[in-house]
């Protein structure tokens, strides 16, 4: 594990307790998570490929969707392969540097996704409220700038949170989680972690609330614009352009708010693991399914390949 100095430990590897210690349950989870991981990889890869190859999908909305699919694809690969390997392994250890990298990568991609969902809400606001000027406002430079800003914000926040997490002296190396996650690692510290908890809470608040504020503003304006549309068909069409995005927003923001901003309790650790599993495995799988099922253009284009 490492060397002990003054009751503090220089950790060289971590042991992950995972989701269950029962072998039968682990095998069942392996099959289930492997199936979801494959659907995630195929679904997101297919969306990226379709949007890339079909010139009729070269619009800001599909550009943001392709970036979201790429983020989901990378996020799934940052957690799922290690989780699958540990489900069939007796020694569920992860080297220190791999744990740091996993925490940084998953936080960066998760944060980037939240900011990206905010940018996509702004795109839908322009499409519904300013349709005649949509192509002028959402030009290529702005779209690239928004995506770059989302990635910079996500990766910068992750760097700060990773540093304040792993700078702490650790008393032991057993993580009650299936992956290296901020709150789980903080519980290993030998010292008072009040400052770190405040910083993590503040970081989570900013990553959640800044994009969420943009989403709420955008959809408030969208709803107001839809209510002014006289025809029922026009209202349905306007709402249809936002339905998929709004579904994904509610799913992703809701799970994270429940994890980081919800009340603490004795069962919080197990709840954190369940919500983290949902966000790491289930959400990246559902995103392409939600957009595909509710988006007729993607179905039509996929039929051409």
C-alpha atoms as a PDB file:
ATOM      1  CA  UNK A   1       0.000   0.000   0.000  1.00  0.00           C
ATOM      2  CA  UNK A   2       2.778   2.439   0.924  1.00  0.00           C
ATOM      3  CA  UNK A   3       4.900   3.737   3.778  1.00  0.00           C
ATOM      4  CA  UNK A   4       3.508   4.961   7.107  1.00  0.00           C
ATOM      5  CA  UNK A   5       4.874   8.145   8.643  1.00  0.00           C
ATOM      6  CA  UNK A   6       3.417   9.533  11.877  1.00  0.00           C
ATOM      7  CA  UNK A   7       0.176   7.569  11.408  1.00  0.00           C
ATOM      8  CA  UNK A   8      -0.189   9.014   7.900  1.00  0.00           C
ATOM      9  CA  UNK A   9       0.232   6.908   4.790  1.00  0.00           C
ATOM     10  CA  UNK A  10       1.951   7.593   1.503  1.00  0.00           C
ATOM     11  CA  UNK A  11      -0.481   5.729  -0.726  1.00  0.00           C
ATOM     12  CA  UNK A  12       0.784   3.967  -3.837  1.00  0.00           C
ATOM     13  CA  UNK A  13      -2.484   2.249  -4.744  1.00  0.00           C
ATOM     14  CA  UNK A  14      -6.149   2.244  -3.750  1.00  0.00           C
ATOM     15  CA  UNK A  15      -8.529  -0.646  -3.174  1.00  0.00           C
ATOM     16  CA  UNK A  16     -12.054  -0.111  -4.496  1.00  0.00           C
ATOM     17  CA  UNK A  17     -14.843  -1.899  -2.627  1.00  0.00           C
ATOM     18  CA  UNK A  18     -17.112  -1.667  -5.670  1.00  0.00           C
ATOM     19  CA  UNK A  19     -20.863  -2.199  -5.709  1.00  0.00           C
ATOM     20  CA  UNK A  20     -21.131  -5.622  -4.076  1.00  0.00           C
ATOM     21  CA  UNK A  21     -19.011  -8.334  -2.462  1.00  0.00           C
ATOM     22  CA  UNK A  22     -21.316 -11.150  -3.618  1.00  0.00           C
ATOM     23  CA  UNK A  23     -19.861 -13.053  -6.590  1.00  0.00           C
ATOM     24  CA  UNK A  24     -23.228 -13.790  -8.199  1.00  0.00           C
ATOM     25  CA  UNK A  25     -24.217 -10.134  -7.976  1.00  0.00           C
ATOM     26  CA  UNK A  26     -20.884  -9.095  -9.462  1.00  0.00           C
ATOM     27  CA  UNK A  27     -21.352 -11.408 -12.452  1.00  0.00           C
ATOM     28  CA  UNK A  28     -24.862 -10.068 -13.011  1.00  0.00           C
ATOM     29  CA  UNK A  29     -23.590  -6.471 -12.796  1.00  0.00           C
ATOM     30  CA  UNK A  30     -20.753  -7.306 -15.196  1.00  0.00           C
ATOM     31  CA  UNK A  31     -23.176  -8.557 -17.856  1.00  0.00           C
ATOM     32  CA  UNK A  32     -25.565  -5.638 -17.332  1.00  0.00           C
ATOM     33  CA  UNK A  33     -22.885  -2.921 -17.326  1.00  0.00           C
ATOM     34  CA  UNK A  34     -21.074  -4.495 -20.290  1.00  0.00           C
ATOM     35  CA  UNK A  35     -24.319  -4.424 -22.299  1.00  0.00           C
ATOM     36  CA  UNK A  36     -24.927  -0.774 -21.399  1.00  0.00           C
ATOM     37  CA  UNK A  37     -21.303   0.104 -22.173  1.00  0.00           C
ATOM     38  CA  UNK A  38     -21.573  -1.468 -25.626  1.00  0.00           C
ATOM     39  CA  UNK A  39     -24.833   0.374 -26.331  1.00  0.00           C
ATOM     40  CA  UNK A  40     -23.197   3.604 -25.173  1.00  0.00           C
ATOM     41  CA  UNK A  41     -20.163   3.120 -27.412  1.00  0.00           C
ATOM     42  CA  UNK A  42     -22.150   2.086 -30.490  1.00  0.00           C
ATOM     43  CA  UNK A  43     -24.914   4.672 -30.014  1.00  0.00           C
ATOM     44  CA  UNK A  44     -22.670   7.671 -29.492  1.00  0.00           C
ATOM     45  CA  UNK A  45     -20.228   6.586 -32.211  1.00  0.00           C
ATOM     46  CA  UNK A  46     -23.109   6.180 -34.668  1.00  0.00           C
ATOM     47  CA  UNK A  47     -24.452   9.674 -33.937  1.00  0.00           C
ATOM     48  CA  UNK A  48     -20.997  11.203 -34.437  1.00  0.00           C
ATOM     49  CA  UNK A  49     -20.553   9.270 -37.697  1.00  0.00           C
ATOM     50  CA  UNK A  50     -23.979  10.190 -39.082  1.00  0.00           C
ATOM     51  CA  UNK A  51     -23.548  13.879 -38.327  1.00  0.00           C
ATOM     52  CA  UNK A  52     -20.027  13.881 -39.732  1.00  0.00           C
ATOM     53  CA  UNK A  53     -20.921  12.160 -43.008  1.00  0.00           C
ATOM     54  CA  UNK A  54     -24.271  13.778 -43.825  1.00  0.00           C
ATOM     55  CA  UNK A  55     -23.988  17.365 -45.056  1.00  0.00           C
ATOM     56  CA  UNK A  56     -27.682  17.937 -44.287  1.00  0.00           C
ATOM     57  CA  UNK A  57     -26.865  17.585 -40.578  1.00  0.00           C
ATOM     58  CA  UNK A  58     -24.164  20.259 -40.615  1.00  0.00           C
ATOM     59  CA  UNK A  59     -26.130  22.670 -38.427  1.00  0.00           C
ATOM     60  CA  UNK A  60     -25.328  24.137 -34.988  1.00  0.00           C
ATOM     61  CA  UNK A  61     -27.836  21.863 -33.235  1.00  0.00           C
ATOM     62  CA  UNK A  62     -26.265  18.685 -34.633  1.00  0.00           C
ATOM     63  CA  UNK A  63     -22.757  20.062 -34.121  1.00  0.00           C
ATOM     64  CA  UNK A  64     -23.465  20.447 -30.395  1.00  0.00           C
ATOM     65  CA  UNK A  65     -25.100  17.005 -30.367  1.00  0.00           C
ATOM     66  CA  UNK A  66     -21.991  15.426 -31.916  1.00  0.00           C
ATOM     67  CA  UNK A  67     -19.783  17.079 -29.271  1.00  0.00           C
ATOM     68  CA  UNK A  68     -22.135  15.867 -26.525  1.00  0.00           C
ATOM     69  CA  UNK A  69     -21.920  12.330 -27.931  1.00  0.00           C
ATOM     70  CA  UNK A  70     -18.123  12.552 -28.005  1.00  0.00           C
ATOM     71  CA  UNK A  71     -18.049  13.707 -24.372  1.00  0.00           C
ATOM     72  CA  UNK A  72     -20.391  10.865 -23.356  1.00  0.00           C
ATOM     73  CA  UNK A  73     -18.259   8.369 -25.262  1.00  0.00           C
ATOM     74  CA  UNK A  74     -15.073   9.537 -23.534  1.00  0.00           C
ATOM     75  CA  UNK A  75     -16.769   9.678 -20.132  1.00  0.00           C
ATOM     76  CA  UNK A  76     -17.953   6.095 -20.444  1.00  0.00           C
ATOM     77  CA  UNK A  77     -14.436   4.975 -21.341  1.00  0.00           C
ATOM     78  CA  UNK A  78     -12.980   6.763 -18.314  1.00  0.00           C
ATOM     79  CA  UNK A  79     -14.985   4.659 -15.837  1.00  0.00           C
ATOM     80  CA  UNK A  80     -16.692   1.591 -17.352  1.00  0.00           C
ATOM     81  CA  UNK A  81     -13.658  -0.494 -18.515  1.00  0.00           C
ATOM     82  CA  UNK A  82     -11.997  -0.304 -15.077  1.00  0.00           C
ATOM     83  CA  UNK A  83     -15.325  -1.086 -13.374  1.00  0.00           C
ATOM     84  CA  UNK A  84     -15.878  -4.131 -15.609  1.00  0.00           C
ATOM     85  CA  UNK A  85     -12.362  -5.420 -14.948  1.00  0.00           C
ATOM     86  CA  UNK A  86     -12.817  -5.103 -11.186  1.00  0.00           C
ATOM     87  CA  UNK A  87     -16.167  -6.897 -11.203  1.00  0.00           C
ATOM     88  CA  UNK A  88     -14.385 -10.095 -12.296  1.00  0.00           C
ATOM     89  CA  UNK A  89     -11.211  -9.489 -10.303  1.00  0.00           C
ATOM     90  CA  UNK A  90     -10.436 -10.630  -6.764  1.00  0.00           C
ATOM     91  CA  UNK A  91      -7.877  -7.845  -6.228  1.00  0.00           C
ATOM     92  CA  UNK A  92      -9.738  -4.608  -6.981  1.00  0.00           C
ATOM     93  CA  UNK A  93      -6.829  -2.192  -6.817  1.00  0.00           C
ATOM     94  CA  UNK A  94      -5.972   0.894  -8.861  1.00  0.00           C
ATOM     95  CA  UNK A  95      -2.565   2.633  -8.852  1.00  0.00           C
ATOM     96  CA  UNK A  96      -2.388   6.089  -7.300  1.00  0.00           C
ATOM     97  CA  UNK A  97      -1.615   7.870 -10.580  1.00  0.00           C
ATOM     98  CA  UNK A  98      -4.432   6.013 -12.362  1.00  0.00           C
ATOM     99  CA  UNK A  99      -6.839   7.059  -9.634  1.00  0.00           C
ATOM    100  CA  UNK A 100      -5.784  10.692  -9.997  1.00  0.00           C
ATOM    101  CA  UNK A 101      -6.174  10.506 -13.777  1.00  0.00           C
ATOM    102  CA  UNK A 102      -9.590   8.857 -13.535  1.00  0.00           C
ATOM    103  CA  UNK A 103     -10.874  11.437 -11.071  1.00  0.00           C
ATOM    104  CA  UNK A 104      -9.557  14.327 -13.160  1.00  0.00           C
ATOM    105  CA  UNK A 105     -10.897  12.944 -16.450  1.00  0.00           C
ATOM    106  CA  UNK A 106     -14.355  12.042 -15.172  1.00  0.00           C
ATOM    107  CA  UNK A 107     -14.770  15.400 -13.410  1.00  0.00           C
ATOM    108  CA  UNK A 108     -13.549  17.287 -16.472  1.00  0.00           C
ATOM    109  CA  UNK A 109     -15.871  15.484 -18.882  1.00  0.00           C
ATOM    110  CA  UNK A 110     -18.818  15.662 -16.484  1.00  0.00           C
ATOM    111  CA  UNK A 111     -18.331  19.395 -15.934  1.00  0.00           C
ATOM    112  CA  UNK A 112     -17.875  20.005 -19.654  1.00  0.00           C
ATOM    113  CA  UNK A 113     -21.152  18.193 -20.336  1.00  0.00           C
ATOM    114  CA  UNK A 114     -23.066  20.472 -17.954  1.00  0.00           C
ATOM    115  CA  UNK A 115     -21.673  23.591 -19.612  1.00  0.00           C
ATOM    116  CA  UNK A 116     -22.356  22.063 -23.027  1.00  0.00           C
ATOM    117  CA  UNK A 117     -26.000  21.468 -22.097  1.00  0.00           C
ATOM    118  CA  UNK A 118     -26.194  25.162 -21.208  1.00  0.00           C
ATOM    119  CA  UNK A 119     -24.759  26.106 -24.598  1.00  0.00           C
ATOM    120  CA  UNK A 120     -27.251  23.804 -26.312  1.00  0.00           C
ATOM    121  CA  UNK A 121     -30.090  25.522 -24.425  1.00  0.00           C
ATOM    122  CA  UNK A 122     -28.906  28.858 -25.792  1.00  0.00           C
ATOM    123  CA  UNK A 123     -28.849  27.365 -29.288  1.00  0.00           C
ATOM    124  CA  UNK A 124     -32.482  26.230 -28.884  1.00  0.00           C
ATOM    125  CA  UNK A 125     -33.422  29.700 -27.570  1.00  0.00           C
ATOM    126  CA  UNK A 126     -32.014  31.361 -30.685  1.00  0.00           C
ATOM    127  CA  UNK A 127     -33.674  28.777 -32.957  1.00  0.00           C
ATOM    128  CA  UNK A 128     -37.145  29.321 -31.441  1.00  0.00           C
ATOM    129  CA  UNK A 129     -37.043  33.017 -30.529  1.00  0.00           C
ATOM    130  CA  UNK A 130     -34.951  34.344 -33.433  1.00  0.00           C
ATOM    131  CA  UNK A 131     -35.501  31.859 -36.288  1.00  0.00           C
ATOM    132  CA  UNK A 132     -34.882  34.374 -39.083  1.00  0.00           C
ATOM    133  CA  UNK A 133     -31.488  35.322 -37.645  1.00  0.00           C
ATOM    134  CA  UNK A 134     -30.522  31.854 -36.455  1.00  0.00           C
ATOM    135  CA  UNK A 135     -27.789  31.161 -39.005  1.00  0.00           C
ATOM    136  CA  UNK A 136     -26.344  34.650 -38.540  1.00  0.00           C
ATOM    137  CA  UNK A 137     -26.240  34.473 -34.728  1.00  0.00           C
ATOM    138  CA  UNK A 138     -25.149  30.837 -34.425  1.00  0.00           C
ATOM    139  CA  UNK A 139     -22.273  31.107 -36.872  1.00  0.00           C
ATOM    140  CA  UNK A 140     -19.368  28.664 -36.924  1.00  0.00           C
ATOM    141  CA  UNK A 141     -17.061  30.879 -34.896  1.00  0.00           C
ATOM    142  CA  UNK A 142     -19.570  31.238 -32.058  1.00  0.00           C
ATOM    143  CA  UNK A 143     -20.304  27.492 -31.984  1.00  0.00           C
ATOM    144  CA  UNK A 144     -16.618  26.617 -31.814  1.00  0.00           C
ATOM    145  CA  UNK A 145     -16.075  29.288 -29.166  1.00  0.00           C
ATOM    146  CA  UNK A 146     -18.924  27.960 -27.027  1.00  0.00           C
ATOM    147  CA  UNK A 147     -17.612  24.398 -27.210  1.00  0.00           C
ATOM    148  CA  UNK A 148     -14.066  25.546 -26.406  1.00  0.00           C
ATOM    149  CA  UNK A 149     -15.366  27.575 -23.470  1.00  0.00           C
ATOM    150  CA  UNK A 150     -17.318  24.577 -22.149  1.00  0.00           C
ATOM    151  CA  UNK A 151     -14.232  22.346 -22.317  1.00  0.00           C
ATOM    152  CA  UNK A 152     -11.944  24.937 -20.714  1.00  0.00           C
ATOM    153  CA  UNK A 153     -14.417  25.523 -17.890  1.00  0.00           C
ATOM    154  CA  UNK A 154     -14.900  21.795 -17.280  1.00  0.00           C
ATOM    155  CA  UNK A 155     -11.214  20.880 -17.345  1.00  0.00           C
ATOM    156  CA  UNK A 156     -10.155  23.916 -15.272  1.00  0.00           C
ATOM    157  CA  UNK A 157     -12.704  23.140 -12.565  1.00  0.00           C
ATOM    158  CA  UNK A 158     -11.600  19.511 -12.547  1.00  0.00           C
ATOM    159  CA  UNK A 159      -7.939  20.498 -12.143  1.00  0.00           C
ATOM    160  CA  UNK A 160      -8.747  22.614  -9.091  1.00  0.00           C
ATOM    161  CA  UNK A 161     -10.913  19.932  -7.488  1.00  0.00           C
ATOM    162  CA  UNK A 162      -8.371  17.177  -8.180  1.00  0.00           C
ATOM    163  CA  UNK A 163      -5.547  19.188  -6.616  1.00  0.00           C
ATOM    164  CA  UNK A 164      -7.417  19.995  -3.409  1.00  0.00           C
ATOM    165  CA  UNK A 165      -8.499  16.345  -3.145  1.00  0.00           C
ATOM    166  CA  UNK A 166      -5.142  14.608  -3.533  1.00  0.00           C
ATOM    167  CA  UNK A 167      -3.022  17.137  -1.635  1.00  0.00           C
ATOM    168  CA  UNK A 168      -4.443  15.751   1.628  1.00  0.00           C
ATOM    169  CA  UNK A 169      -2.537  13.188   3.756  1.00  0.00           C
ATOM    170  CA  UNK A 170      -4.378   9.859   3.657  1.00  0.00           C
ATOM    171  CA  UNK A 171      -4.760   7.416   6.563  1.00  0.00           C
ATOM    172  CA  UNK A 172      -5.793   4.393   4.517  1.00  0.00           C
ATOM    173  CA  UNK A 173      -6.359   3.365   0.916  1.00  0.00           C
ATOM    174  CA  UNK A 174      -9.737   1.583   0.864  1.00  0.00           C
ATOM    175  CA  UNK A 175     -12.271   3.564  -1.174  1.00  0.00           C
ATOM    176  CA  UNK A 176     -15.924   2.689  -0.627  1.00  0.00           C
ATOM    177  CA  UNK A 177     -16.830   3.221  -4.254  1.00  0.00           C
ATOM    178  CA  UNK A 178     -16.517   1.590  -7.675  1.00  0.00           C
ATOM    179  CA  UNK A 179     -14.311   4.414  -9.007  1.00  0.00           C
ATOM    180  CA  UNK A 180     -12.109   7.240  -7.789  1.00  0.00           C
ATOM    181  CA  UNK A 181     -14.652   9.893  -6.859  1.00  0.00           C
ATOM    182  CA  UNK A 182     -14.049  13.141  -4.989  1.00  0.00           C
ATOM    183  CA  UNK A 183     -16.210  12.612  -1.916  1.00  0.00           C
ATOM    184  CA  UNK A 184     -15.070   8.991  -1.548  1.00  0.00           C
ATOM    185  CA  UNK A 185     -11.375   9.948  -1.656  1.00  0.00           C
ATOM    186  CA  UNK A 186     -11.856  12.835   0.782  1.00  0.00           C
ATOM    187  CA  UNK A 187     -13.137  10.375   3.375  1.00  0.00           C
ATOM    188  CA  UNK A 188      -9.670   8.772   3.466  1.00  0.00           C
ATOM    189  CA  UNK A 189      -7.999  11.936   4.788  1.00  0.00           C
ATOM    190  CA  UNK A 190      -6.282  12.011   8.174  1.00  0.00           C
ATOM    191  CA  UNK A 191      -6.972  15.713   8.696  1.00  0.00           C
ATOM    192  CA  UNK A 192      -9.966  17.992   8.905  1.00  0.00           C
ATOM    193  CA  UNK A 193     -11.565  18.223   5.459  1.00  0.00           C
ATOM    194  CA  UNK A 194     -14.018  21.046   6.159  1.00  0.00           C
ATOM    195  CA  UNK A 195     -12.241  23.425   3.766  1.00  0.00           C
ATOM    196  CA  UNK A 196     -12.095  20.773   1.045  1.00  0.00           C
ATOM    197  CA  UNK A 197     -15.771  19.969   1.466  1.00  0.00           C
ATOM    198  CA  UNK A 198     -16.642  23.653   1.155  1.00  0.00           C
ATOM    199  CA  UNK A 199     -14.517  23.979  -1.987  1.00  0.00           C
ATOM    200  CA  UNK A 200     -16.031  20.856  -3.539  1.00  0.00           C
ATOM    201  CA  UNK A 201     -19.533  22.091  -2.708  1.00  0.00           C
ATOM    202  CA  UNK A 202     -18.734  25.509  -4.185  1.00  0.00           C
ATOM    203  CA  UNK A 203     -17.223  23.911  -7.280  1.00  0.00           C
ATOM    204  CA  UNK A 204     -20.256  21.667  -7.737  1.00  0.00           C
ATOM    205  CA  UNK A 205     -22.591  24.598  -7.165  1.00  0.00           C
ATOM    206  CA  UNK A 206     -20.913  26.683  -9.869  1.00  0.00           C
ATOM    207  CA  UNK A 207     -20.688  23.813 -12.374  1.00  0.00           C
ATOM    208  CA  UNK A 208     -24.352  22.998 -11.838  1.00  0.00           C
ATOM    209  CA  UNK A 209     -25.917  26.405 -11.294  1.00  0.00           C
ATOM    210  CA  UNK A 210     -24.177  28.436 -14.014  1.00  0.00           C
ATOM    211  CA  UNK A 211     -25.349  26.170 -16.883  1.00  0.00           C
ATOM    212  CA  UNK A 212     -28.651  25.584 -15.101  1.00  0.00           C
ATOM    213  CA  UNK A 213     -29.265  29.339 -14.930  1.00  0.00           C
ATOM    214  CA  UNK A 214     -28.649  29.610 -18.674  1.00  0.00           C
ATOM    215  CA  UNK A 215     -31.001  26.665 -19.271  1.00  0.00           C
ATOM    216  CA  UNK A 216     -33.748  28.223 -17.132  1.00  0.00           C
ATOM    217  CA  UNK A 217     -33.351  31.613 -18.830  1.00  0.00           C
ATOM    218  CA  UNK A 218     -33.385  30.059 -22.296  1.00  0.00           C
ATOM    219  CA  UNK A 219     -36.438  27.905 -21.678  1.00  0.00           C
ATOM    220  CA  UNK A 220     -38.327  30.726 -19.971  1.00  0.00           C
ATOM    221  CA  UNK A 221     -37.909  32.749 -23.161  1.00  0.00           C
ATOM    222  CA  UNK A 222     -38.710  29.692 -25.295  1.00  0.00           C
ATOM    223  CA  UNK A 223     -41.954  29.002 -23.417  1.00  0.00           C
ATOM    224  CA  UNK A 224     -42.954  32.659 -23.717  1.00  0.00           C
ATOM    225  CA  UNK A 225     -42.284  32.551 -27.469  1.00  0.00           C
ATOM    226  CA  UNK A 226     -44.207  29.285 -27.915  1.00  0.00           C
ATOM    227  CA  UNK A 227     -47.231  30.695 -26.101  1.00  0.00           C
ATOM    228  CA  UNK A 228     -47.370  33.496 -28.671  1.00  0.00           C
ATOM    229  CA  UNK A 229     -47.570  30.998 -31.540  1.00  0.00           C
ATOM    230  CA  UNK A 230     -51.218  30.781 -32.583  1.00  0.00           C
ATOM    231  CA  UNK A 231     -51.291  27.471 -34.440  1.00  0.00           C
ATOM    232  CA  UNK A 232     -51.176  24.188 -32.527  1.00  0.00           C
ATOM    233  CA  UNK A 233     -48.932  22.681 -35.173  1.00  0.00           C
ATOM    234  CA  UNK A 234     -46.479  25.557 -34.824  1.00  0.00           C
ATOM    235  CA  UNK A 235     -46.355  25.108 -31.057  1.00  0.00           C
ATOM    236  CA  UNK A 236     -45.714  21.393 -31.402  1.00  0.00           C
ATOM    237  CA  UNK A 237     -42.943  21.980 -33.915  1.00  0.00           C
ATOM    238  CA  UNK A 238     -41.274  24.586 -31.696  1.00  0.00           C
ATOM    239  CA  UNK A 239     -41.511  22.380 -28.633  1.00  0.00           C
ATOM    240  CA  UNK A 240     -40.301  19.363 -30.616  1.00  0.00           C
ATOM    241  CA  UNK A 241     -36.988  21.063 -31.329  1.00  0.00           C
ATOM    242  CA  UNK A 242     -36.372  21.334 -27.559  1.00  0.00           C
ATOM    243  CA  UNK A 243     -37.936  18.154 -26.151  1.00  0.00           C
ATOM    244  CA  UNK A 244     -34.863  15.905 -26.462  1.00  0.00           C
ATOM    245  CA  UNK A 245     -32.513  18.457 -24.988  1.00  0.00           C
ATOM    246  CA  UNK A 246     -34.883  19.258 -22.132  1.00  0.00           C
ATOM    247  CA  UNK A 247     -35.205  15.542 -21.295  1.00  0.00           C
ATOM    248  CA  UNK A 248     -31.426  15.109 -21.130  1.00  0.00           C
ATOM    249  CA  UNK A 249     -31.063  18.292 -19.049  1.00  0.00           C
ATOM    250  CA  UNK A 250     -33.581  17.108 -16.449  1.00  0.00           C
ATOM    251  CA  UNK A 251     -31.929  13.698 -16.265  1.00  0.00           C
ATOM    252  CA  UNK A 252     -28.320  14.900 -15.911  1.00  0.00           C
ATOM    253  CA  UNK A 253     -28.876  17.907 -13.668  1.00  0.00           C
ATOM    254  CA  UNK A 254     -31.352  16.059 -11.483  1.00  0.00           C
ATOM    255  CA  UNK A 255     -28.963  13.184 -10.728  1.00  0.00           C
ATOM    256  CA  UNK A 256     -26.064  15.471  -9.859  1.00  0.00           C
ATOM    257  CA  UNK A 257     -28.110  17.836  -7.710  1.00  0.00           C
ATOM    258  CA  UNK A 258     -29.352  14.807  -5.768  1.00  0.00           C
ATOM    259  CA  UNK A 259     -25.761  13.638  -5.200  1.00  0.00           C
ATOM    260  CA  UNK A 260     -23.921  16.817  -4.297  1.00  0.00           C
ATOM    261  CA  UNK A 261     -26.556  19.216  -3.035  1.00  0.00           C
ATOM    262  CA  UNK A 262     -28.877  16.792  -1.254  1.00  0.00           C
ATOM    263  CA  UNK A 263     -28.953  16.243   2.533  1.00  0.00           C
ATOM    264  CA  UNK A 264     -26.299  14.056   4.134  1.00  0.00           C
ATOM    265  CA  UNK A 265     -27.386  10.873   5.908  1.00  0.00           C
ATOM    266  CA  UNK A 266     -26.078   7.520   7.040  1.00  0.00           C
ATOM    267  CA  UNK A 267     -27.014   6.006   3.679  1.00  0.00           C
ATOM    268  CA  UNK A 268     -25.488   8.845   1.655  1.00  0.00           C
ATOM    269  CA  UNK A 269     -22.480   6.756   0.600  1.00  0.00           C
ATOM    270  CA  UNK A 270     -24.638   4.070  -1.012  1.00  0.00           C
ATOM    271  CA  UNK A 271     -26.878   6.701  -2.615  1.00  0.00           C
ATOM    272  CA  UNK A 272     -23.783   8.426  -4.017  1.00  0.00           C
ATOM    273  CA  UNK A 273     -22.629   5.164  -5.571  1.00  0.00           C
ATOM    274  CA  UNK A 274     -26.015   4.493  -7.153  1.00  0.00           C
ATOM    275  CA  UNK A 275     -26.311   8.004  -8.587  1.00  0.00           C
ATOM    276  CA  UNK A 276     -22.684   7.903  -9.756  1.00  0.00           C
ATOM    277  CA  UNK A 277     -23.408   4.587 -11.490  1.00  0.00           C
ATOM    278  CA  UNK A 278     -26.431   6.137 -13.167  1.00  0.00           C
ATOM    279  CA  UNK A 279     -24.444   9.127 -14.388  1.00  0.00           C
ATOM    280  CA  UNK A 280     -21.351   7.146 -15.414  1.00  0.00           C
ATOM    281  CA  UNK A 281     -23.075   4.274 -17.221  1.00  0.00           C
ATOM    282  CA  UNK A 282     -26.802   4.856 -17.713  1.00  0.00           C
ATOM    283  CA  UNK A 283     -26.909   8.532 -18.739  1.00  0.00           C
ATOM    284  CA  UNK A 284     -24.289   8.243 -21.535  1.00  0.00           C
ATOM    285  CA  UNK A 285     -26.296   5.297 -22.878  1.00  0.00           C
ATOM    286  CA  UNK A 286     -29.648   7.095 -22.708  1.00  0.00           C
ATOM    287  CA  UNK A 287     -28.510  10.363 -24.303  1.00  0.00           C
ATOM    288  CA  UNK A 288     -28.124   9.012 -27.869  1.00  0.00           C
ATOM    289  CA  UNK A 289     -31.299   6.947 -27.477  1.00  0.00           C
ATOM    290  CA  UNK A 290     -33.299   9.992 -26.353  1.00  0.00           C
ATOM    291  CA  UNK A 291     -32.051  12.156 -29.207  1.00  0.00           C
ATOM    292  CA  UNK A 292     -32.490   9.395 -31.786  1.00  0.00           C
ATOM    293  CA  UNK A 293     -35.985   8.372 -30.729  1.00  0.00           C
ATOM    294  CA  UNK A 294     -37.231  11.955 -30.661  1.00  0.00           C
ATOM    295  CA  UNK A 295     -35.352  13.137 -33.731  1.00  0.00           C
ATOM    296  CA  UNK A 296     -36.825  12.019 -37.031  1.00  0.00           C
ATOM    297  CA  UNK A 297     -33.920  13.389 -39.070  1.00  0.00           C
ATOM    298  CA  UNK A 298     -31.406  11.093 -37.388  1.00  0.00           C
ATOM    299  CA  UNK A 299     -33.648   8.089 -38.053  1.00  0.00           C
ATOM    300  CA  UNK A 300     -34.009   9.060 -41.714  1.00  0.00           C
ATOM    301  CA  UNK A 301     -30.271   9.633 -42.114  1.00  0.00           C
ATOM    302  CA  UNK A 302     -29.367   6.373 -40.358  1.00  0.00           C
ATOM    303  CA  UNK A 303     -31.528   4.514 -42.850  1.00  0.00           C
ATOM    304  CA  UNK A 304     -29.327   5.776 -45.644  1.00  0.00           C
ATOM    305  CA  UNK A 305     -26.179   4.114 -44.296  1.00  0.00           C
END
